[in-house]
Amino acid sequence: MEKIKSSIIIGVAIIITAFVLGKSFQNRNENLDSISVIGLGTKDFVSDEILWSGSFTTNSFDIKTAYNKIVSDQKIVSDFFINKGFKPNEFSFGAVNFQKKFREVRSENSDNQTRYEQVFDGYEATQTITFSAKKNPDLMKRIESVSSKTSELVNSGIELSSNSIQYTYSDLPSLKQSLIEKATQDANERATKIVKTADGSLGKLKRASMGVFQITGQGSTEDDSYGGINDTYSKNKTARITVRLEYELD
């Protein structure tokens, strides 16, 4: 009886092993009977959206005085940009932000031990001003031009801290779709040329996968990022995407 059981177990093991090896051989042949290629889609474009902002501050030990001063400075800043050719509805001011300021004071007691303490140093009031434009080349040019002239406000006793201009594009979905089409066509053409050179024929599509969507400044040598790159500092940009296609071979 034990011999019969052993024979049955061995027989089942042989069948399972044969099945596994057969599947492995079949999968190996399937891999040999396919071709995988990567296609690239790229496009240079110019940003049609712009965002630029700056901020200015004032200080006082009295919060009401700080507020009144920032309101007065807001009028000066507003007049400055209006005199530069902007309309009041072409920029906006944010809410006034207050922050308590402290300074560290060092002192020594009778035992010559050094002590540090935080002493209230007044209120700092901060306000932001923001400019934006979408599909408005004239306004974009004026924003670009004035962003480098804010130092003139120093003559009015105001130091405006300027942020970097951000450039974006309003129709990224359509841009991405067109790049996918280009990359897919490029991959198909590559596969067709390779197979034709080897006197073969291209079969049906087995798999398709898409790489990350990258936006860089034109002429950038920045390496592709796994999570994708979205450059917002360059006005002239390059978008790119890759598509991997795997075809059967007839």
Foldseek 3Di string as FASTA:
>chain_A
DVVVVVVVVVVVVVVVVVVVVVVVVVVVVQVVQKDKFKFKFKDKDFFQKKKKKKKWKDWDQDPVVRVVVVVVVVVVVQVVVVVLPDDPVQKDKDDKDKDWDWDWDWDADPVRDIDIDTDTDTMMIMMMMMGMGGNDVVSVVSCVVCLVVQVVCVVVVIDIGIDAMFTDHDPVVVVVVVRVVNRVVRRVVVVQVVQVVVVWDWAAWDDKDKAEKEKDAPPDPDDADRNYYDGTRHRIIMIMIMMMIMTGID
